[in-house]
Amino acid sequence: MSGETPLQVLARTGAAASEPSRMRSIERFPYYTSFPFSWYRACTSADLAPGAVKPLRYLNRDLVVWRGEDGAPHVMDAYCPHLGAHLGFGGRVAGCEIVCPFHWWQFDGEGRNTKIPYLETRNSSARIPAYPTVERNGFVFFWYHPRGEAPLWEIPIVAEHGDPGWTPYHEAKWRVRAPWQELAENGPDFVHLRTVHGAVRVPELEAYEVDGWLARLRARVTFDTPRGPRPGRIDTDSWGAGFGVARFTGIIDALFVAVNTPIDFETTEVSFHYSIRKLGDSAEDLERTKRVGEALIRDLEKQEAEDIVIFDHKIHVPHPKLSGVEAPIVKFRAWAKQFYVDGDPRGTNA
């Protein structure tokens, strides 16, 4: 098919967003009755200065993220157990603790009450649920498990982040009306690159492997450029539902960090962060890096907008009639299934 497809026109004009599906998430995705356990992004490191307190709305609950004066970030439920004030609105940091705006009760990073200022005492039974929190690769992550189990894996260090040979992150963010699993299923589905995005050449899948909480995808790709075809690669690693890294080589080396956090059962926040390997240190090299990198990022963002037209309106087919080349989707679904656990009374889509 030459020219834009009808779907690409919908993505470019935004027309699809004006007609969202009237079906609820539980109708479209019947398996999605609990959030998958994972590390999830709370914010970027740059968005959380020392002493900052910010309200969040993720996982169908109100949260607060704050950074102590020692630099350590913390994520916890938003409401004070004393009389229910929201810590994200008027709460403040005192040293390495957070202070409720209502009566100034003070809590440490584990959510324990440490001080009631007008009584010079504390209440050992007053506790705010807190989430294991780490700062890595330019993000603040918090661990969610519906049964409160400790983290089952660590967020890996991305070597390119902070390397002076790579550009700072370029962030693109969307709200998508579909869960992580539907989005991530696109990874091993290379056919859609032609039918949705108009790619002339479909990547060649070398391997799709799963190892516990980690999934690896390895593929060869040929990029069409003004100077003719160029061989390249796309290598993707995903740790659970909240964090994935793709590395592109060929035209230019590029890093693509994907972090997804459920807002509620209807909506997922999808955040992509792109970094490009600099082609050199000269002004000419940096300008060329900027030009080529921006072209690649524009194309990837255009593809995401096209994908969202599908995600915002699709349903889950539990027993899809797949062709032979789509067998990795079955493997992906078997891997994804392990992250769902019943048992969170606040996480319900019934």
Protein backbone atom coordinates (compact mmCIF):
# COMPACT_ATOMS: atom_id res chain seq x y z
CA MET A 1 0.00 0.00 0.00
CA SER A 2 1.48 3.35 -1.00
CA GLY A 3 1.11 6.52 1.07
CA GLU A 4 -0.41 6.74 4.52
CA THR A 5 -2.75 4.06 5.79
CA PRO A 6 -6.09 5.14 7.32
CA LEU A 7 -4.65 4.29 10.74
CA GLN A 8 -1.65 6.57 10.18
CA VAL A 9 -4.00 9.40 9.23
CA LEU A 10 -5.96 8.86 12.47
CA ALA A 11 -2.69 9.00 14.45
CA ARG A 12 -1.42 12.12 12.69
CA THR A 13 -4.67 14.06 13.01
CA GLY A 14 -5.60 12.84 16.49
CA ALA A 15 -9.06 11.89 15.24
CA ALA A 16 -9.05 8.53 17.03
CA ALA A 17 -8.66 10.20 20.43
CA SER A 18 -12.04 11.89 20.05
CA GLU A 19 -13.83 8.53 19.86
CA PRO A 20 -12.53 6.41 22.75
CA SER A 21 -13.86 2.92 23.27
CA ARG A 22 -16.99 2.88 25.44
CA MET A 23 -16.05 -0.51 26.86
CA ARG A 24 -14.51 -0.66 30.33
CA SER A 25 -11.11 -2.20 30.85
CA ILE A 26 -12.61 -5.29 32.51
CA GLU A 27 -14.63 -5.91 29.33
CA ARG A 28 -11.72 -5.33 26.98
CA PHE A 29 -9.06 -7.12 29.04
CA PRO A 30 -10.75 -9.72 31.31
CA TYR A 31 -7.40 -10.99 32.65
CA TYR A 32 -6.59 -7.53 34.05
CA THR A 33 -8.05 -7.79 37.55
CA SER A 34 -4.83 -7.05 39.43
CA PHE A 35 -1.80 -4.94 38.60
CA PRO A 36 1.35 -6.93 37.75
CA PHE A 37 4.02 -6.82 40.43
CA SER A 38 7.08 -4.90 39.30
CA TRP A 39 9.35 -1.94 39.81
CA TYR A 40 7.53 1.16 38.55
CA ARG A 41 8.68 4.69 37.82
CA ALA A 42 7.54 7.31 40.32
CA CYS A 43 9.30 10.25 38.63
CA THR A 44 12.61 11.24 37.07
CA SER A 45 15.50 12.06 39.37
CA ALA A 46 15.58 15.60 38.00
CA ASP A 47 11.95 16.13 39.05
CA LEU A 48 12.66 15.47 42.74
CA ALA A 49 14.96 18.00 44.40
CA PRO A 50 16.19 17.47 47.99
CA GLY A 51 13.33 18.33 50.33
CA ALA A 52 10.70 18.05 47.58
CA VAL A 53 7.30 16.42 48.19
CA LYS A 54 5.07 15.47 45.24
CA PRO A 55 1.64 13.81 45.02
CA LEU A 56 1.23 10.85 42.65
CA ARG A 57 -1.73 8.88 41.38
CA TYR A 58 -0.63 5.39 40.34
CA LEU A 59 -1.92 1.83 40.79
CA ASN A 60 -5.43 3.09 41.54
CA ARG A 61 -4.23 4.77 44.74
CA ASP A 62 -2.87 8.08 45.98
CA LEU A 63 0.86 8.09 46.68
CA VAL A 64 3.48 10.62 47.69
CA VAL A 65 7.13 10.75 46.62
CA TRP A 66 9.64 12.80 48.61
CA ARG A 67 13.37 13.20 48.97
CA GLY A 68 15.07 13.56 52.33
CA GLU A 69 17.85 16.03 52.92
CA ASP A 70 20.28 13.09 52.74
CA GLY A 71 19.23 12.67 49.08
CA ALA A 72 17.33 9.40 49.56
CA PRO A 73 13.95 9.19 47.76
CA HIS A 74 10.87 7.58 49.29
CA VAL A 75 7.45 6.50 47.98
CA MET A 76 4.58 5.81 50.34
CA ASP A 77 0.81 5.98 50.55
CA ALA A 78 -0.38 9.56 50.63
CA TYR A 79 -2.66 9.68 53.67
CA CYS A 80 -1.66 10.38 57.26
CA PRO A 81 -2.96 7.66 59.63
CA HIS A 82 -3.80 10.33 62.23
CA LEU A 83 -6.73 12.18 60.59
CA GLY A 84 -6.28 11.44 56.91
CA ALA A 85 -4.53 14.50 55.48
CA HIS A 86 -2.86 14.07 52.08
CA LEU A 87 0.89 14.42 52.59
CA GLY A 88 1.41 15.54 48.99
CA PHE A 89 -0.47 18.81 49.51
CA GLY A 90 1.33 20.94 52.05
CA GLY A 91 3.51 18.19 53.48
CA ARG A 92 7.16 19.09 54.01
CA VAL A 93 10.48 17.41 54.66
CA ALA A 94 12.31 17.86 57.96
CA GLY A 95 15.76 16.32 57.73
CA CYS A 96 15.13 12.78 56.52
CA GLU A 97 11.46 12.62 57.51
CA ILE A 98 8.15 13.85 56.13
CA VAL A 99 5.82 16.09 58.12
CA CYS A 100 2.02 15.99 57.76
CA PRO A 101 0.55 19.41 56.90
CA PHE A 102 -2.44 18.97 59.24
CA HIS A 103 -1.03 18.45 62.75
CA TRP A 104 2.68 18.14 61.91
CA TRP A 105 3.00 14.49 62.82
CA GLN A 106 6.35 13.29 61.55
CA PHE A 107 7.18 9.99 59.76
CA ASP A 108 10.42 8.36 58.66
CA GLY A 109 11.13 6.74 55.30
CA GLU A 110 9.65 3.44 56.51
CA GLY A 111 6.39 5.19 57.33
CA ARG A 112 6.82 5.01 61.13
CA ASN A 113 5.59 7.87 63.25
CA THR A 114 8.61 9.42 64.99
CA LYS A 115 7.18 12.56 66.55
CA ILE A 116 3.96 14.24 67.66
CA PRO A 117 5.25 17.77 68.23
CA TYR A 118 2.62 19.05 70.62
CA LEU A 119 3.02 16.00 72.89
CA GLU A 120 6.75 15.41 72.44
CA THR A 121 5.98 11.74 71.93
CA ARG A 122 5.13 9.29 69.12
CA ASN A 123 2.43 6.76 68.24
CA SER A 124 3.95 3.36 67.47
CA SER A 125 0.71 2.12 65.88
CA ALA A 126 0.53 5.03 63.41
CA ARG A 127 2.18 3.75 60.26
CA ILE A 128 2.01 4.75 56.59
CA PRO A 129 2.51 1.92 54.06
CA ALA A 130 5.84 2.57 52.33
CA TYR A 131 7.22 1.02 49.16
CA PRO A 132 10.83 -0.12 48.55
CA THR A 133 12.36 2.73 46.57
CA VAL A 134 15.56 2.96 44.50
CA GLU A 135 17.10 5.61 42.29
CA ARG A 136 18.74 4.33 39.14
CA ASN A 137 19.39 5.38 35.56
CA GLY A 138 17.87 8.82 36.11
CA PHE A 139 14.60 7.56 37.63
CA VAL A 140 13.05 7.01 41.04
CA PHE A 141 11.48 3.53 41.07
CA PHE A 142 9.20 1.97 43.66
CA TRP A 143 8.42 -1.72 44.10
CA TYR A 144 4.80 -2.85 44.04
CA HIS A 145 3.55 -6.29 45.01
CA PRO A 146 -0.14 -6.86 45.86
CA ARG A 147 0.80 -9.02 48.85
CA GLY A 148 3.60 -6.79 50.05
CA GLU A 149 6.41 -9.20 49.15
CA ALA A 150 9.95 -7.85 49.02
CA PRO A 151 11.56 -7.04 45.62
CA LEU A 152 12.22 -10.15 43.56
CA TRP A 153 14.80 -8.59 41.24
CA GLU A 154 16.84 -5.43 40.91
CA ILE A 155 16.71 -2.67 38.33
CA PRO A 156 19.95 -3.03 36.32
CA ILE A 157 22.35 -0.16 35.79
CA VAL A 158 22.22 1.23 32.24
CA ALA A 159 25.83 1.99 31.38
CA GLU A 160 24.98 4.63 28.78
CA HIS A 161 23.11 6.85 31.25
CA GLY A 162 25.36 9.67 32.42
CA ASP A 163 28.13 8.71 29.99
CA PRO A 164 29.45 11.95 28.42
CA GLY A 165 29.59 10.15 25.09
CA TRP A 166 25.78 9.94 25.04
CA THR A 167 23.16 12.68 24.86
CA PRO A 168 20.86 13.41 27.84
CA TYR A 169 17.47 11.72 27.78
CA HIS A 170 14.77 13.07 25.49
CA GLU A 171 11.45 12.22 27.17
CA ALA A 172 8.15 11.45 25.48
CA LYS A 173 5.10 10.57 27.57
CA TRP A 174 1.63 9.26 26.75
CA ARG A 175 -1.47 8.03 28.58
CA VAL A 176 -2.71 4.86 26.94
CA ARG A 177 -6.07 3.13 27.52
CA ALA A 178 -4.58 -0.35 27.75
CA PRO A 179 -2.47 -2.34 30.24
CA TRP A 180 1.25 -2.99 29.99
CA GLN A 181 0.79 -6.47 28.57
CA GLU A 182 -1.01 -5.27 25.46
CA LEU A 183 1.71 -2.69 24.79
CA ALA A 184 4.60 -5.06 25.44
CA GLU A 185 3.14 -7.71 23.13
CA ASN A 186 4.20 -5.41 20.30
CA GLY A 187 7.84 -6.29 21.04
CA PRO A 188 7.94 -9.73 19.39
CA ASP A 189 5.26 -8.75 16.85
CA PHE A 190 7.43 -7.56 13.96
CA VAL A 191 4.71 -7.95 11.32
CA HIS A 192 2.92 -4.85 12.63
CA LEU A 193 5.96 -2.73 11.74
CA ARG A 194 4.91 -3.13 8.10
CA THR A 195 1.13 -3.12 8.46
CA VAL A 196 0.86 -0.33 11.06
CA HIS A 197 4.00 1.73 10.49
CA GLY A 198 4.62 1.16 6.78
CA ALA A 199 8.12 -0.31 7.17
CA VAL A 200 9.54 -1.52 3.86
CA ARG A 201 11.57 -4.21 5.59
CA VAL A 202 10.49 -6.26 8.61
CA PRO A 203 13.26 -7.08 11.14
CA GLU A 204 14.51 -10.65 11.26
CA LEU A 205 13.99 -12.22 14.67
CA GLU A 206 17.14 -13.98 15.84
CA ALA A 207 15.96 -14.98 19.30
CA TYR A 208 13.24 -14.36 21.84
CA GLU A 209 14.22 -15.81 25.21
CA VAL A 210 12.81 -15.56 28.71
CA ASP A 211 14.82 -16.10 31.87
CA GLY A 212 12.82 -15.69 35.06
CA TRP A 213 11.80 -12.04 35.32
CA LEU A 214 13.86 -11.06 32.24
CA ALA A 215 12.84 -11.29 28.58
CA ARG A 216 15.39 -10.81 25.78
CA LEU A 217 14.65 -10.05 22.14
CA ARG A 218 17.39 -10.03 19.49
CA ALA A 219 16.78 -8.98 15.89
CA ARG A 220 18.57 -7.96 12.73
CA VAL A 221 17.13 -5.07 10.77
CA THR A 222 17.88 -3.25 7.53
CA PHE A 223 17.37 0.52 7.62
CA ASP A 224 16.45 2.31 4.42
CA THR A 225 18.44 5.54 4.13
CA PRO A 226 19.00 8.13 1.36
CA ARG A 227 22.32 6.37 0.77
CA GLY A 228 20.71 2.96 0.46
CA PRO A 229 20.06 0.05 2.84
CA ARG A 230 22.10 -0.09 6.06
CA PRO A 231 22.34 -3.20 8.26
CA GLY A 232 21.59 -2.78 11.94
CA ARG A 233 20.22 -4.38 15.08
CA ILE A 234 17.50 -3.98 17.71
CA ASP A 235 18.32 -5.66 21.03
CA THR A 236 15.70 -5.38 23.77
CA ASP A 237 15.75 -6.44 27.43
CA SER A 238 12.66 -6.21 29.66
CA TRP A 239 12.54 -6.67 33.43
CA GLY A 240 8.93 -7.22 34.44
CA ALA A 241 6.15 -4.82 33.58
CA GLY A 242 7.78 -1.51 34.45
CA PHE A 243 11.21 -1.28 32.85
CA GLY A 244 12.73 -2.13 29.48
CA VAL A 245 15.76 -1.09 27.44
CA ALA A 246 16.16 -1.27 23.65
CA ARG A 247 19.42 -0.60 21.86
CA PHE A 248 19.44 0.37 18.18
CA THR A 249 22.59 0.12 16.05
CA GLY A 250 23.04 0.78 12.35
CA ILE A 251 22.36 4.35 11.27
CA ILE A 252 23.37 5.63 14.70
CA ASP A 253 23.65 4.02 18.11
CA ALA A 254 20.56 4.81 20.17
CA LEU A 255 19.26 3.87 23.59
CA PHE A 256 15.52 3.61 24.18
CA VAL A 257 14.37 3.26 27.82
CA ALA A 258 10.69 2.40 28.32
CA VAL A 259 9.05 2.81 31.72
CA ASN A 260 5.36 2.05 32.22
CA THR A 261 3.29 2.73 35.33
CA PRO A 262 -0.43 1.88 35.65
CA ILE A 263 -2.47 4.91 36.67
CA ASP A 264 -5.58 2.82 37.19
CA PHE A 265 -7.22 -0.09 35.38
CA GLU A 266 -8.29 2.13 32.50
CA THR A 267 -5.05 3.99 31.83
CA THR A 268 -1.29 3.35 31.74
CA GLU A 269 1.36 6.06 31.74
CA VAL A 270 3.93 5.22 29.07
CA SER A 271 7.20 7.11 29.26
CA PHE A 272 9.96 6.70 26.68
CA HIS A 273 13.43 8.15 27.14
CA TYR A 274 15.84 8.32 24.19
CA SER A 275 19.61 8.82 24.24
CA ILE A 276 21.96 8.96 21.25
CA ARG A 277 25.67 8.11 21.08
CA LYS A 278 27.53 11.25 20.05
CA LEU A 279 29.34 10.96 16.71
CA GLY A 280 32.21 13.02 18.07
CA ASP A 281 33.06 16.10 20.09
CA SER A 282 33.42 18.70 17.36
CA ALA A 283 30.65 21.18 16.65
CA GLU A 284 30.08 19.47 13.29
CA ASP A 285 29.86 16.02 14.92
CA LEU A 286 27.45 17.24 17.60
CA GLU A 287 25.24 18.93 15.01
CA ARG A 288 25.15 15.73 12.96
CA THR A 289 24.34 13.72 16.11
CA LYS A 290 21.48 16.11 16.82
CA ARG A 291 20.13 15.96 13.27
CA VAL A 292 20.27 12.17 12.86
CA GLY A 293 19.15 11.51 16.43
CA GLU A 294 16.16 13.83 16.18
CA ALA A 295 15.09 12.17 12.92
CA LEU A 296 15.20 8.74 14.58
CA ILE A 297 13.31 9.97 17.65
CA ARG A 298 10.64 11.62 15.49
CA ASP A 299 10.10 8.37 13.67
CA LEU A 300 9.88 6.34 16.91
CA GLU A 301 7.43 8.83 18.43
CA LYS A 302 5.35 8.72 15.24
CA GLN A 303 5.25 4.92 15.52
CA GLU A 304 4.10 5.11 19.13
CA ALA A 305 1.27 7.50 18.20
CA GLU A 306 0.19 5.00 15.54
CA ASP A 307 0.35 2.11 18.01
CA ILE A 308 -1.81 4.03 20.49
CA VAL A 309 -4.66 4.13 17.97
CA ILE A 310 -4.65 0.34 18.23
CA PHE A 311 -4.12 0.17 22.01
CA ASP A 312 -6.86 2.67 22.86
CA HIS A 313 -9.50 0.66 21.01
CA LYS A 314 -8.41 -2.99 20.92
CA ILE A 315 -9.58 -5.93 23.02
CA HIS A 316 -7.67 -8.95 24.32
CA VAL A 317 -8.14 -12.17 22.34
CA PRO A 318 -7.33 -15.00 24.77
CA HIS A 319 -6.84 -17.63 22.08
CA PRO A 320 -5.55 -15.71 19.04
CA LYS A 321 -5.44 -17.36 15.63
CA LEU A 322 -1.76 -16.71 14.99
CA SER A 323 0.32 -17.31 11.90
CA GLY A 324 3.58 -19.23 12.09
CA VAL A 325 5.75 -16.11 12.28
CA GLU A 326 3.82 -14.87 15.34
CA ALA A 327 4.69 -17.79 17.64
CA PRO A 328 6.80 -15.57 19.97
CA ILE A 329 3.56 -13.88 21.11
CA VAL A 330 2.55 -17.16 22.81
CA LYS A 331 5.92 -17.25 24.57
CA PHE A 332 5.55 -13.64 25.65
CA ARG A 333 2.09 -14.25 27.13
CA ALA A 334 3.33 -17.22 29.13
CA TRP A 335 6.15 -15.05 30.53
CA ALA A 336 3.84 -12.12 31.31
CA LYS A 337 1.35 -14.30 33.18
CA GLN A 338 3.74 -14.85 36.10
CA PHE A 339 3.53 -11.19 37.19
CA TYR A 340 -0.17 -11.27 38.10
CA VAL A 341 -1.12 -12.21 41.66
CA ASP A 342 -4.54 -11.92 43.28
CA GLY A 343 -4.80 -10.53 46.74
CA ASP A 344 -4.65 -6.72 46.72
CA PRO A 345 -7.98 -5.50 48.15
CA ARG A 346 -7.34 -2.01 46.74
CA GLY A 347 -6.39 -3.30 43.30
CA THR A 348 -9.68 -4.41 41.83
CA ASN A 349 -11.28 -3.97 38.45
CA ALA A 350 -14.50 -5.80 39.22
